[in-house]
């Protein structure tokens, strides 16, 4: 039975656990499969994560149990401690390249195709952005028989050069809420930028006054001010 996020979407902890296992299998293969402690460190790291999470061991074990029931992770029994590995591509029913893109979207949130290609460098080297877009298109056009779409192309944000992609493994994307969150995070930068511009304009005006005063003392003609700065 193909994985269908419309019937059973992943929870946020499940998505973080699954994507972290996929990431570490490619970026630190010598430490993979992961112990619970290593998995916790990967899930809760503060870089390359959006949002940053703080999952306790109980959260991780609950997520692992659920993912194992869905055949998305496998527990490897060891002599001293249990380790965990993912079954992402086979469990979701996608090629490895698509699994990489889905993992990045789960770890870092919505991204453009160019950002995905750059962020995937240590996971899989895509030839160009067009190849990334081709795999994304396949995931978006996934048939109902295979479980439906796994990604969607978001509306282009105001001022953005490229639209971003979002994963659907955790269920439908609330586009309006996402846009509001982006606007709120960008809003604090506007007053700061305006204040910086005003400070620079004041500094320029002060320097121009000093130049005019020096020219007057030396008996020279003052340079003309640029239009709008007289």
N, C-alpha and C. Protein backbone atom coordinates (compact mmCIF):
# COMPACT_ATOMS: atom_id res chain seq x y z
N UNK A 1 0.85 -1.19 0.00
CA UNK A 1 0.00 0.00 0.00
C UNK A 1 0.88 1.24 0.00
N UNK A 2 0.81 2.11 -1.06
CA UNK A 2 1.65 3.31 -1.10
C UNK A 2 1.35 4.24 0.06
N UNK A 3 2.38 4.96 0.50
CA UNK A 3 2.19 5.92 1.58
C UNK A 3 1.29 7.05 1.10
N UNK A 4 0.24 7.33 1.86
CA UNK A 4 -0.73 8.36 1.49
C UNK A 4 -0.85 9.35 2.64
N UNK A 5 -0.23 10.54 2.51
CA UNK A 5 -0.29 11.51 3.61
C UNK A 5 -1.69 12.06 3.84
N UNK A 6 -2.58 11.86 2.88
CA UNK A 6 -3.96 12.33 3.07
C UNK A 6 -4.69 11.46 4.07
N UNK A 7 -4.30 10.20 4.15
CA UNK A 7 -4.92 9.27 5.09
C UNK A 7 -4.22 9.29 6.46
N UNK A 8 -2.90 9.38 6.44
CA UNK A 8 -2.14 9.33 7.69
C UNK A 8 -0.91 10.23 7.57
N UNK A 9 -1.10 11.56 7.71
CA UNK A 9 0.06 12.45 7.61
C UNK A 9 1.03 12.24 8.77
N UNK A 10 2.29 12.52 8.53
CA UNK A 10 3.29 12.43 9.57
C UNK A 10 3.13 13.58 10.56
N UNK A 11 3.37 13.30 11.83
CA UNK A 11 3.42 14.37 12.81
C UNK A 11 4.75 15.10 12.66
N UNK A 12 4.86 16.28 13.28
CA UNK A 12 6.10 17.04 13.19
C UNK A 12 7.28 16.26 13.78
N UNK A 13 7.14 15.60 14.95
CA UNK A 13 8.27 14.79 15.45
C UNK A 13 8.61 13.62 14.53
N UNK A 14 7.61 12.96 13.96
CA UNK A 14 7.88 11.85 13.05
C UNK A 14 8.66 12.32 11.83
N UNK A 15 8.24 13.46 11.28
CA UNK A 15 8.93 13.99 10.11
C UNK A 15 10.37 14.36 10.44
N UNK A 16 10.58 14.96 11.61
CA UNK A 16 11.94 15.34 11.99
C UNK A 16 12.82 14.10 12.19
N UNK A 17 12.29 13.08 12.83
CA UNK A 17 13.05 11.84 13.05
C UNK A 17 13.39 11.17 11.73
N UNK A 18 12.41 11.03 10.86
CA UNK A 18 12.62 10.35 9.58
C UNK A 18 13.64 11.10 8.72
N UNK A 19 13.49 12.42 8.63
CA UNK A 19 14.39 13.21 7.80
C UNK A 19 15.80 13.24 8.38
N UNK A 20 15.91 13.26 9.70
CA UNK A 20 17.24 13.26 10.33
C UNK A 20 17.97 11.95 10.06
N UNK A 21 17.26 10.83 10.13
CA UNK A 21 17.88 9.54 9.81
C UNK A 21 18.37 9.53 8.37
N UNK A 22 17.56 10.07 7.46
CA UNK A 22 17.96 10.13 6.06
C UNK A 22 19.20 11.01 5.89
N UNK A 23 19.18 12.16 6.54
CA UNK A 23 20.31 13.09 6.44
C UNK A 23 21.60 12.43 6.93
N UNK A 24 21.57 11.86 8.12
CA UNK A 24 22.79 11.32 8.71
C UNK A 24 23.30 10.09 7.96
N UNK A 25 22.39 9.36 7.33
CA UNK A 25 22.84 8.20 6.54
C UNK A 25 23.71 8.63 5.37
N UNK A 26 23.54 9.89 4.93
CA UNK A 26 24.30 10.38 3.77
C UNK A 26 25.46 11.29 4.16
N UNK A 27 25.32 12.01 5.26
CA UNK A 27 26.36 12.97 5.62
C UNK A 27 27.38 12.42 6.61
N UNK A 28 26.97 11.48 7.46
CA UNK A 28 27.91 10.86 8.41
C UNK A 28 27.70 9.34 8.40
N UNK A 29 27.96 8.69 7.28
CA UNK A 29 27.68 7.26 7.16
C UNK A 29 28.43 6.39 8.16
N UNK A 30 29.60 6.85 8.63
CA UNK A 30 30.38 6.06 9.59
C UNK A 30 29.68 5.94 10.94
N UNK A 31 28.77 6.89 11.24
CA UNK A 31 28.05 6.87 12.53
C UNK A 31 26.64 6.31 12.40
N UNK A 32 26.32 5.82 11.22
CA UNK A 32 24.96 5.35 10.93
C UNK A 32 24.94 3.83 10.89
N UNK A 33 23.85 3.18 11.34
CA UNK A 33 22.60 3.66 11.95
C UNK A 33 22.83 4.41 13.27
N UNK A 34 21.82 5.18 13.69
CA UNK A 34 21.96 6.06 14.83
C UNK A 34 21.43 5.44 16.12
N UNK A 35 22.14 5.73 17.21
CA UNK A 35 21.59 5.41 18.53
C UNK A 35 20.55 6.47 18.88
N UNK A 36 19.82 6.25 19.94
CA UNK A 36 18.80 7.23 20.36
C UNK A 36 19.46 8.55 20.71
N UNK A 37 20.62 8.51 21.37
CA UNK A 37 21.31 9.75 21.73
C UNK A 37 21.76 10.52 20.50
N UNK A 38 22.30 9.82 19.52
CA UNK A 38 22.74 10.48 18.29
C UNK A 38 21.55 11.04 17.52
N UNK A 39 20.46 10.31 17.53
CA UNK A 39 19.25 10.78 16.85
C UNK A 39 18.72 12.04 17.52
N UNK A 40 18.74 12.07 18.85
CA UNK A 40 18.28 13.26 19.59
C UNK A 40 19.13 14.47 19.23
N UNK A 41 20.44 14.28 19.16
CA UNK A 41 21.34 15.39 18.82
C UNK A 41 21.05 15.90 17.42
N UNK A 42 20.79 14.99 16.49
CA UNK A 42 20.49 15.40 15.13
C UNK A 42 19.15 16.10 14.99
N UNK A 43 18.15 15.59 15.68
CA UNK A 43 16.82 16.19 15.60
C UNK A 43 16.79 17.58 16.23
N UNK A 44 17.55 17.77 17.28
CA UNK A 44 17.48 19.01 18.06
C UNK A 44 18.58 20.01 17.72
N UNK A 45 19.40 19.72 16.71
CA UNK A 45 20.46 20.66 16.39
C UNK A 45 19.87 21.99 15.92
N UNK A 46 20.62 23.04 16.11
CA UNK A 46 20.11 24.39 15.86
C UNK A 46 20.47 24.93 14.48
N UNK A 47 21.26 24.19 13.73
CA UNK A 47 21.59 24.59 12.36
C UNK A 47 20.88 23.68 11.37
N UNK A 48 20.56 24.23 10.21
CA UNK A 48 19.91 23.47 9.13
C UNK A 48 18.58 22.86 9.56
N UNK A 49 17.88 23.55 10.47
CA UNK A 49 16.58 23.08 10.95
C UNK A 49 15.58 24.23 10.98
N UNK A 50 14.41 23.99 10.41
CA UNK A 50 13.34 24.99 10.45
C UNK A 50 12.01 24.27 10.59
N UNK A 51 11.38 24.32 11.76
CA UNK A 51 11.83 25.08 12.93
C UNK A 51 12.82 24.28 13.77
N UNK A 52 13.52 24.98 14.68
CA UNK A 52 14.35 24.31 15.67
C UNK A 52 13.41 23.64 16.68
N UNK A 53 13.70 22.40 17.02
CA UNK A 53 12.85 21.64 17.93
C UNK A 53 13.67 21.17 19.13
N UNK A 54 12.97 20.78 20.19
CA UNK A 54 13.61 20.22 21.38
C UNK A 54 12.82 18.97 21.77
N UNK A 55 13.15 17.85 21.12
CA UNK A 55 12.42 16.61 21.35
C UNK A 55 13.08 15.81 22.47
N UNK A 56 12.29 15.37 23.43
CA UNK A 56 12.78 14.53 24.51
C UNK A 56 12.85 13.08 24.04
N UNK A 57 13.51 12.22 24.83
CA UNK A 57 13.64 10.81 24.46
C UNK A 57 12.26 10.16 24.27
N UNK A 58 11.31 10.50 25.13
CA UNK A 58 9.97 9.93 25.01
C UNK A 58 9.32 10.33 23.69
N UNK A 59 9.54 11.57 23.25
CA UNK A 59 9.01 12.02 21.96
C UNK A 59 9.62 11.21 20.82
N UNK A 60 10.92 10.99 20.91
CA UNK A 60 11.62 10.25 19.87
C UNK A 60 11.16 8.80 19.81
N UNK A 61 11.03 8.17 20.96
CA UNK A 61 10.61 6.77 20.99
C UNK A 61 9.19 6.61 20.47
N UNK A 62 8.33 7.55 20.81
CA UNK A 62 6.96 7.49 20.30
C UNK A 62 6.94 7.64 18.78
N UNK A 63 7.75 8.58 18.27
CA UNK A 63 7.82 8.78 16.83
C UNK A 63 8.41 7.55 16.14
N UNK A 64 9.46 6.98 16.72
CA UNK A 64 10.09 5.80 16.14
C UNK A 64 9.13 4.62 16.10
N UNK A 65 8.37 4.44 17.17
CA UNK A 65 7.40 3.34 17.21
C UNK A 65 6.36 3.49 16.10
N UNK A 66 5.85 4.70 15.92
CA UNK A 66 4.86 4.95 14.88
C UNK A 66 5.46 4.75 13.49
N UNK A 67 6.67 5.26 13.28
CA UNK A 67 7.32 5.11 11.98
C UNK A 67 7.64 3.65 11.67
N UNK A 68 8.00 2.89 12.68
CA UNK A 68 8.28 1.46 12.47
C UNK A 68 7.01 0.73 12.08
N UNK A 69 5.88 1.09 12.67
CA UNK A 69 4.60 0.47 12.31
C UNK A 69 4.22 0.76 10.87
N UNK A 70 4.72 1.87 10.34
CA UNK A 70 4.45 2.23 8.94
C UNK A 70 5.56 1.77 8.00
N UNK A 71 6.50 0.99 8.54
CA UNK A 71 7.63 0.45 7.77
C UNK A 71 8.53 1.55 7.21
N UNK A 72 8.62 2.67 7.93
CA UNK A 72 9.46 3.78 7.49
C UNK A 72 10.80 3.83 8.21
N UNK A 73 10.92 3.13 9.35
CA UNK A 73 12.21 2.98 10.03
C UNK A 73 12.35 1.54 10.49
N UNK A 74 13.59 1.16 10.74
CA UNK A 74 13.91 -0.20 11.18
C UNK A 74 14.83 -0.12 12.38
N UNK A 75 14.54 -0.92 13.41
CA UNK A 75 15.41 -0.99 14.58
C UNK A 75 16.43 -2.09 14.37
N UNK A 76 17.70 -1.74 14.57
CA UNK A 76 18.80 -2.69 14.43
C UNK A 76 19.29 -3.04 15.83
N UNK A 77 19.03 -4.25 16.27
CA UNK A 77 19.45 -4.65 17.61
C UNK A 77 20.95 -4.83 17.68
N UNK A 78 21.57 -4.23 18.68
CA UNK A 78 23.01 -4.38 18.87
C UNK A 78 23.33 -5.08 20.16
N UNK A 79 24.58 -5.43 20.33
CA UNK A 79 24.99 -6.12 21.54
C UNK A 79 24.85 -5.23 22.77
N UNK A 80 25.05 -3.91 22.57
CA UNK A 80 25.02 -3.00 23.71
C UNK A 80 23.84 -2.03 23.65
N UNK A 81 23.53 -1.52 22.45
CA UNK A 81 22.49 -0.50 22.34
C UNK A 81 21.80 -0.62 20.99
N UNK A 82 20.52 -0.33 20.98
CA UNK A 82 19.74 -0.40 19.73
C UNK A 82 20.10 0.78 18.84
N UNK A 83 20.06 0.55 17.57
CA UNK A 83 20.29 1.61 16.58
C UNK A 83 19.12 1.63 15.60
N UNK A 84 18.98 2.78 14.92
CA UNK A 84 17.84 2.97 14.03
C UNK A 84 18.31 3.42 12.65
N UNK A 85 17.63 2.90 11.63
CA UNK A 85 17.89 3.34 10.27
C UNK A 85 16.56 3.58 9.56
N UNK A 86 16.60 4.40 8.52
CA UNK A 86 15.36 4.74 7.79
C UNK A 86 15.09 3.75 6.67
N UNK A 87 13.86 3.72 6.25
CA UNK A 87 13.44 2.96 5.07
C UNK A 87 12.65 3.91 4.17
N UNK A 88 13.22 5.12 4.01
CA UNK A 88 12.50 6.24 3.43
C UNK A 88 12.02 5.96 2.00
N UNK A 89 12.98 5.76 1.10
CA UNK A 89 12.62 5.66 -0.31
C UNK A 89 11.64 4.52 -0.58
N UNK A 90 11.92 3.35 -0.01
CA UNK A 90 11.04 2.21 -0.23
C UNK A 90 9.70 2.40 0.49
N UNK A 91 9.76 2.92 1.72
CA UNK A 91 8.53 3.08 2.49
C UNK A 91 7.59 4.12 1.90
N UNK A 92 8.16 5.23 1.38
CA UNK A 92 7.34 6.27 0.77
C UNK A 92 6.99 5.90 -0.67
N UNK A 93 7.88 5.15 -1.31
CA UNK A 93 7.64 4.76 -2.69
C UNK A 93 8.15 5.78 -3.69
N UNK A 94 9.38 6.28 -3.47
CA UNK A 94 9.96 7.29 -4.36
C UNK A 94 11.41 6.93 -4.64
N UNK A 95 11.99 7.47 -5.73
CA UNK A 95 13.42 7.26 -5.98
C UNK A 95 14.28 7.97 -4.93
N UNK A 96 15.54 7.61 -4.86
CA UNK A 96 16.44 8.19 -3.87
C UNK A 96 16.54 9.71 -4.01
N UNK A 97 16.58 10.20 -5.26
CA UNK A 97 16.70 11.65 -5.45
C UNK A 97 15.49 12.38 -4.89
N UNK A 98 14.31 11.81 -5.08
CA UNK A 98 13.10 12.42 -4.54
C UNK A 98 13.09 12.35 -3.02
N UNK A 99 13.60 11.26 -2.46
CA UNK A 99 13.68 11.13 -1.01
C UNK A 99 14.58 12.23 -0.43
N UNK A 100 15.67 12.55 -1.11
CA UNK A 100 16.57 13.61 -0.66
C UNK A 100 15.82 14.94 -0.60
N UNK A 101 15.07 15.25 -1.64
CA UNK A 101 14.34 16.53 -1.69
C UNK A 101 13.28 16.59 -0.60
N UNK A 102 12.58 15.49 -0.40
CA UNK A 102 11.56 15.46 0.66
C UNK A 102 12.20 15.61 2.04
N UNK A 103 13.34 14.96 2.24
CA UNK A 103 14.03 15.07 3.52
C UNK A 103 14.46 16.51 3.80
N UNK A 104 14.98 17.19 2.80
CA UNK A 104 15.39 18.58 2.97
C UNK A 104 14.20 19.49 3.27
N UNK A 105 13.09 19.24 2.61
CA UNK A 105 11.90 20.06 2.85
C UNK A 105 11.36 19.83 4.26
N UNK A 106 11.48 18.61 4.76
CA UNK A 106 11.02 18.34 6.12
C UNK A 106 11.95 18.96 7.17
N UNK A 107 13.23 19.02 6.86
CA UNK A 107 14.19 19.56 7.82
C UNK A 107 14.26 21.08 7.81
N UNK A 108 14.15 21.68 6.62
CA UNK A 108 14.43 23.12 6.48
C UNK A 108 13.21 23.94 6.08
N UNK A 109 12.06 23.31 5.87
CA UNK A 109 10.89 24.06 5.46
C UNK A 109 10.90 24.37 3.97
N UNK A 110 9.93 25.16 3.49
CA UNK A 110 9.81 25.47 2.06
C UNK A 110 11.09 26.09 1.50
N UNK A 111 11.45 25.67 0.29
CA UNK A 111 12.66 26.17 -0.38
C UNK A 111 12.42 26.23 -1.88
N UNK A 112 13.19 27.08 -2.56
CA UNK A 112 13.15 27.11 -4.01
C UNK A 112 13.94 25.92 -4.55
N UNK A 113 13.76 25.64 -5.84
CA UNK A 113 14.50 24.54 -6.45
C UNK A 113 16.00 24.80 -6.39
N UNK A 114 16.40 26.06 -6.57
CA UNK A 114 17.83 26.39 -6.50
C UNK A 114 18.37 26.18 -5.09
N UNK A 115 17.60 26.56 -4.09
CA UNK A 115 18.03 26.35 -2.70
C UNK A 115 18.14 24.86 -2.39
N UNK A 116 17.21 24.08 -2.89
CA UNK A 116 17.25 22.64 -2.66
C UNK A 116 18.49 22.01 -3.28
N UNK A 117 18.83 22.45 -4.48
CA UNK A 117 20.02 21.91 -5.13
C UNK A 117 21.27 22.24 -4.30
N UNK A 118 21.35 23.46 -3.81
CA UNK A 118 22.51 23.87 -3.01
C UNK A 118 22.55 23.10 -1.68
N UNK A 119 21.42 23.00 -1.01
CA UNK A 119 21.38 22.33 0.30
C UNK A 119 21.56 20.82 0.19
N UNK A 120 21.33 20.28 -0.99
CA UNK A 120 21.45 18.83 -1.18
C UNK A 120 22.88 18.39 -1.51
N UNK A 121 23.80 19.34 -1.56
CA UNK A 121 25.15 19.04 -2.04
C UNK A 121 25.79 17.87 -1.32
N UNK A 122 25.63 17.77 0.00
CA UNK A 122 26.26 16.68 0.77
C UNK A 122 25.42 15.41 0.76
N UNK A 123 24.17 15.52 0.27
CA UNK A 123 23.28 14.36 0.24
C UNK A 123 23.33 13.67 -1.13
N UNK A 124 23.18 14.51 -2.16
CA UNK A 124 23.17 14.02 -3.53
C UNK A 124 23.49 15.19 -4.44
N UNK A 125 24.35 15.00 -5.40
CA UNK A 125 24.75 16.09 -6.28
C UNK A 125 23.87 16.09 -7.53
N UNK A 126 22.94 17.03 -7.58
CA UNK A 126 22.10 17.18 -8.76
C UNK A 126 22.86 17.94 -9.85
N UNK A 127 22.64 17.55 -11.10
CA UNK A 127 23.39 18.14 -12.21
C UNK A 127 23.09 19.63 -12.35
N UNK A 128 21.84 20.02 -12.20
CA UNK A 128 21.44 21.42 -12.32
C UNK A 128 20.08 21.61 -11.67
N UNK A 129 19.62 22.85 -11.64
CA UNK A 129 18.33 23.14 -11.02
C UNK A 129 17.19 22.50 -11.78
N UNK A 130 17.35 22.37 -13.09
CA UNK A 130 16.29 21.75 -13.90
C UNK A 130 16.04 20.31 -13.48
N UNK A 131 17.09 19.59 -13.12
CA UNK A 131 16.91 18.20 -12.69
C UNK A 131 16.17 18.14 -11.36
N UNK A 132 16.43 19.12 -10.47
CA UNK A 132 15.68 19.20 -9.22
C UNK A 132 14.21 19.45 -9.51
N UNK A 133 13.93 20.38 -10.41
CA UNK A 133 12.55 20.70 -10.75
C UNK A 133 11.83 19.51 -11.37
N UNK A 134 12.55 18.70 -12.12
CA UNK A 134 11.93 17.53 -12.74
C UNK A 134 11.46 16.54 -11.68
N UNK A 135 12.28 16.30 -10.67
CA UNK A 135 11.87 15.39 -9.59
C UNK A 135 10.73 16.00 -8.77
N UNK A 136 10.76 17.30 -8.55
CA UNK A 136 9.69 17.96 -7.82
C UNK A 136 8.37 17.87 -8.60
N UNK A 137 8.45 18.04 -9.90
CA UNK A 137 7.24 17.93 -10.72
C UNK A 137 6.64 16.53 -10.62
N UNK A 138 7.50 15.52 -10.61
CA UNK A 138 7.01 14.14 -10.47
C UNK A 138 6.31 13.94 -9.12
N UNK A 139 6.90 14.51 -8.08
CA UNK A 139 6.29 14.38 -6.75
C UNK A 139 4.96 15.13 -6.67
N UNK A 140 4.87 16.24 -7.38
CA UNK A 140 3.63 17.02 -7.36
C UNK A 140 2.53 16.34 -8.18
N UNK A 141 2.94 15.61 -9.19
CA UNK A 141 1.97 14.97 -10.08
C UNK A 141 1.73 13.51 -9.72
N UNK A 142 2.17 13.09 -8.57
CA UNK A 142 2.00 11.70 -8.12
C UNK A 142 0.51 11.33 -8.15
N UNK A 143 0.20 10.22 -8.75
CA UNK A 143 -1.19 9.83 -8.96
C UNK A 143 -1.86 9.40 -7.66
N UNK A 144 -3.19 9.40 -7.68
CA UNK A 144 -3.96 8.96 -6.52
C UNK A 144 -3.67 7.50 -6.20
N UNK A 145 -3.43 6.69 -7.24
CA UNK A 145 -3.15 5.28 -7.02
C UNK A 145 -1.85 5.08 -6.23
N UNK A 146 -0.93 6.02 -6.37
CA UNK A 146 0.34 5.93 -5.65
C UNK A 146 0.33 6.67 -4.32
N UNK A 147 -0.81 7.28 -3.98
CA UNK A 147 -0.90 7.98 -2.70
C UNK A 147 -1.05 9.48 -2.81
N UNK A 148 -1.11 10.02 -4.03
CA UNK A 148 -1.31 11.45 -4.21
C UNK A 148 -0.02 12.26 -4.14
N UNK A 149 -0.11 13.56 -4.39
CA UNK A 149 1.07 14.44 -4.41
C UNK A 149 1.79 14.47 -3.06
N UNK A 150 3.11 14.63 -3.13
CA UNK A 150 3.92 14.72 -1.91
C UNK A 150 4.55 16.10 -1.74
N UNK A 151 4.45 16.95 -2.76
CA UNK A 151 4.93 18.34 -2.66
C UNK A 151 3.94 19.24 -3.37
N UNK A 152 4.05 20.54 -3.10
CA UNK A 152 3.27 21.52 -3.84
C UNK A 152 4.10 22.78 -4.04
N UNK A 153 3.85 23.46 -5.17
CA UNK A 153 4.53 24.72 -5.46
C UNK A 153 3.71 25.84 -4.84
N UNK A 154 4.33 26.60 -3.94
CA UNK A 154 3.63 27.67 -3.25
C UNK A 154 3.52 28.91 -4.13
N UNK A 155 2.50 29.75 -3.89
CA UNK A 155 2.43 31.04 -4.60
C UNK A 155 3.69 31.85 -4.31
N UNK A 156 4.16 32.57 -5.33
CA UNK A 156 5.36 33.38 -5.15
C UNK A 156 5.10 34.48 -4.13
N UNK A 157 5.98 34.59 -3.16
CA UNK A 157 5.84 35.62 -2.12
C UNK A 157 6.18 36.98 -2.70
N UNK A 158 5.56 38.05 -2.18
CA UNK A 158 5.87 39.40 -2.67
C UNK A 158 7.36 39.71 -2.54
N UNK A 159 7.95 40.17 -3.63
CA UNK A 159 9.36 40.50 -3.63
C UNK A 159 10.30 39.34 -3.88
N UNK A 160 9.76 38.12 -3.90
CA UNK A 160 10.61 36.94 -4.12
C UNK A 160 10.86 36.75 -5.62
N UNK A 161 12.04 36.24 -5.93
CA UNK A 161 12.39 36.01 -7.34
C UNK A 161 11.85 34.67 -7.83
N UNK A 162 11.80 33.69 -6.94
CA UNK A 162 11.37 32.35 -7.33
C UNK A 162 10.35 31.82 -6.33
N UNK A 163 9.39 31.01 -6.78
CA UNK A 163 8.46 30.37 -5.84
C UNK A 163 9.15 29.25 -5.08
N UNK A 164 8.62 28.92 -3.94
CA UNK A 164 9.19 27.87 -3.10
C UNK A 164 8.29 26.63 -3.12
N UNK A 165 8.89 25.50 -2.82
CA UNK A 165 8.19 24.22 -2.73
C UNK A 165 8.03 23.82 -1.28
N UNK A 166 6.92 23.14 -0.98
CA UNK A 166 6.66 22.64 0.36
C UNK A 166 6.29 21.17 0.28
N UNK A 167 6.64 20.40 1.32
CA UNK A 167 6.30 18.98 1.36
C UNK A 167 4.89 18.78 1.93
N UNK A 168 4.25 17.69 1.51
CA UNK A 168 2.89 17.38 1.95
C UNK A 168 2.85 16.11 2.81
N UNK A 169 4.00 15.59 3.21
CA UNK A 169 4.02 14.38 4.04
C UNK A 169 3.36 14.62 5.39
N UNK A 170 3.37 15.87 5.83
CA UNK A 170 2.74 16.22 7.11
C UNK A 170 1.33 16.75 6.93
N UNK A 171 0.77 16.56 5.75
CA UNK A 171 -0.59 17.02 5.49
C UNK A 171 -0.63 18.28 4.66
N UNK A 172 -1.83 18.80 4.39
CA UNK A 172 -1.97 20.00 3.56
C UNK A 172 -1.25 21.20 4.17
N UNK A 173 -0.77 22.08 3.30
CA UNK A 173 -0.08 23.29 3.73
C UNK A 173 -1.10 24.42 3.85
N UNK A 174 -1.09 25.11 4.99
CA UNK A 174 -1.93 26.28 5.19
C UNK A 174 -1.19 27.47 4.58
N UNK A 175 -1.48 27.75 3.31
CA UNK A 175 -0.75 28.77 2.57
C UNK A 175 -0.92 30.14 3.21
N UNK A 176 -2.13 30.47 3.65
CA UNK A 176 -2.39 31.77 4.25
C UNK A 176 -1.59 31.95 5.54
N UNK A 177 -1.57 30.92 6.38
CA UNK A 177 -0.82 31.00 7.64
C UNK A 177 0.68 31.11 7.38
N UNK A 178 1.16 30.37 6.36
CA UNK A 178 2.58 30.43 6.02
C UNK A 178 2.96 31.82 5.54
N UNK A 179 2.11 32.43 4.70
CA UNK A 179 2.39 33.77 4.20
C UNK A 179 2.40 34.78 5.34
N UNK A 180 1.47 34.62 6.29
CA UNK A 180 1.41 35.54 7.43
C UNK A 180 2.66 35.41 8.29
N UNK A 181 3.13 34.17 8.46
CA UNK A 181 4.33 33.94 9.26
C UNK A 181 5.55 34.57 8.59
N UNK A 182 5.64 34.45 7.27
CA UNK A 182 6.76 35.05 6.54
C UNK A 182 6.73 36.56 6.65
N UNK A 183 5.52 37.14 6.54
CA UNK A 183 5.39 38.59 6.64
C UNK A 183 5.79 39.08 8.03
N UNK A 184 5.39 38.32 9.05
CA UNK A 184 5.71 38.71 10.42
C UNK A 184 7.21 38.65 10.68
N UNK A 185 7.88 37.62 10.13
CA UNK A 185 9.32 37.49 10.34
C UNK A 185 10.09 38.56 9.58
N UNK A 186 9.53 39.01 8.45
CA UNK A 186 10.20 40.04 7.65
C UNK A 186 9.93 41.44 8.17
N UNK A 187 8.81 41.62 8.87
CA UNK A 187 8.40 42.95 9.30
C UNK A 187 9.43 43.65 10.17
N UNK A 188 10.04 42.98 11.17
CA UNK A 188 10.99 43.70 12.02
C UNK A 188 12.17 44.29 11.25
N UNK A 189 12.48 43.73 10.08
CA UNK A 189 13.62 44.24 9.33
C UNK A 189 13.32 45.59 8.70
N UNK A 190 12.03 45.90 8.43
CA UNK A 190 11.69 47.13 7.75
C UNK A 190 12.00 48.38 8.58
N UNK A 191 11.55 48.49 9.83
CA UNK A 191 11.90 49.67 10.63
C UNK A 191 13.41 49.84 10.79
N UNK A 192 14.11 48.73 10.97
CA UNK A 192 15.56 48.81 11.13
C UNK A 192 16.21 49.35 9.86
N UNK A 193 15.73 48.91 8.70
CA UNK A 193 16.26 49.38 7.43
C UNK A 193 15.98 50.87 7.25
N UNK A 194 14.75 51.29 7.58
CA UNK A 194 14.38 52.69 7.45
C UNK A 194 15.24 53.56 8.36
N UNK A 195 15.47 53.11 9.59
CA UNK A 195 16.31 53.87 10.51
C UNK A 195 17.74 53.99 9.98
N UNK A 196 18.24 52.91 9.39
CA UNK A 196 19.60 52.93 8.82
C UNK A 196 19.69 53.92 7.67
N UNK A 197 18.68 53.93 6.80
CA UNK A 197 18.66 54.85 5.67
C UNK A 197 18.64 56.30 6.17
N UNK A 198 17.80 56.58 7.16
CA UNK A 198 17.71 57.94 7.70
C UNK A 198 19.04 58.37 8.33
N UNK A 199 19.71 57.44 9.03
CA UNK A 199 21.00 57.78 9.63
C UNK A 199 22.04 58.10 8.57
N UNK A 200 22.05 57.31 7.48
CA UNK A 200 23.00 57.55 6.40
C UNK A 200 22.72 58.88 5.71
N UNK A 201 21.44 59.21 5.50
CA UNK A 201 21.09 60.48 4.88
C UNK A 201 21.55 61.65 5.74
N UNK A 202 21.37 61.53 7.06
CA UNK A 202 21.82 62.59 7.96
C UNK A 202 23.33 62.75 7.92
N UNK A 203 24.04 61.61 7.84
CA UNK A 203 25.51 61.65 7.79
C UNK A 203 25.98 62.31 6.50
N UNK A 204 25.32 62.00 5.38
CA UNK A 204 25.68 62.61 4.10
C UNK A 204 25.45 64.11 4.15
N UNK A 205 24.30 64.52 4.71
CA UNK A 205 24.01 65.96 4.81
C UNK A 205 25.07 66.68 5.65
N UNK A 206 25.52 66.05 6.73
CA UNK A 206 26.54 66.65 7.59
C UNK A 206 27.87 66.79 6.84
N UNK A 207 28.24 65.77 6.08
CA UNK A 207 29.48 65.82 5.31
C UNK A 207 29.41 66.89 4.23
N UNK A 208 28.25 67.04 3.59
CA UNK A 208 28.09 68.06 2.57
C UNK A 208 28.24 69.46 3.17
N UNK A 209 27.69 69.65 4.37
CA UNK A 209 27.81 70.95 5.03
C UNK A 209 29.27 71.26 5.35
N UNK A 210 30.01 70.24 5.78
CA UNK A 210 31.42 70.44 6.09
C UNK A 210 32.21 70.80 4.83
N UNK A 211 31.90 70.15 3.72
CA UNK A 211 32.59 70.43 2.46
C UNK A 211 32.32 71.87 2.02
N UNK A 212 31.03 72.29 2.12
CA UNK A 212 30.70 73.67 1.72
C UNK A 212 31.43 74.70 2.59
N UNK A 213 31.55 74.40 3.90
CA UNK A 213 32.21 75.32 4.81
C UNK A 213 33.70 75.42 4.49
N UNK A 214 34.32 74.30 4.19
CA UNK A 214 35.74 74.30 3.85
C UNK A 214 35.99 75.04 2.54
N UNK A 215 35.08 74.82 1.57
CA UNK A 215 35.23 75.51 0.29
C UNK A 215 35.11 77.02 0.47
N UNK A 216 34.19 77.44 1.35
CA UNK A 216 34.01 78.86 1.60
C UNK A 216 35.26 79.45 2.25
N UNK A 217 35.87 78.73 3.17
CA UNK A 217 37.08 79.21 3.85
C UNK A 217 38.25 79.31 2.89
N UNK A 218 38.29 78.41 1.90
CA UNK A 218 39.39 78.39 0.94
C UNK A 218 39.11 79.24 -0.29
N UNK A 219 37.91 79.81 -0.36
CA UNK A 219 37.55 80.64 -1.51
C UNK A 219 37.26 79.84 -2.76
N UNK A 220 36.84 78.61 -2.60
CA UNK A 220 36.53 77.75 -3.74
C UNK A 220 35.03 77.64 -3.92
N UNK A 221 34.64 77.29 -5.16
CA UNK A 221 33.21 77.05 -5.40
C UNK A 221 32.83 75.71 -4.80
N UNK A 222 31.73 75.69 -4.09
CA UNK A 222 31.23 74.44 -3.49
C UNK A 222 30.72 73.52 -4.57
N UNK A 223 30.99 72.21 -4.48
CA UNK A 223 30.46 71.25 -5.48
C UNK A 223 28.94 71.21 -5.42
N UNK A 224 28.37 70.95 -6.60
CA UNK A 224 26.92 70.85 -6.68
C UNK A 224 26.43 69.58 -5.96
N UNK A 225 25.34 69.68 -5.25
CA UNK A 225 24.75 68.51 -4.60
C UNK A 225 23.98 67.68 -5.61
N UNK A 226 23.94 66.36 -5.44
CA UNK A 226 23.15 65.54 -6.32
C UNK A 226 21.68 65.95 -6.25
N UNK A 227 20.91 65.71 -7.33
CA UNK A 227 19.49 66.06 -7.34
C UNK A 227 18.79 65.47 -6.14
N UNK A 228 17.95 66.28 -5.47
CA UNK A 228 17.19 65.80 -4.33
C UNK A 228 17.93 65.94 -3.02
N UNK A 229 19.20 66.45 -3.05
CA UNK A 229 19.96 66.60 -1.82
C UNK A 229 20.41 68.05 -1.63
N UNK A 230 19.78 69.00 -2.33
CA UNK A 230 20.14 70.41 -2.14
C UNK A 230 19.74 70.86 -0.75
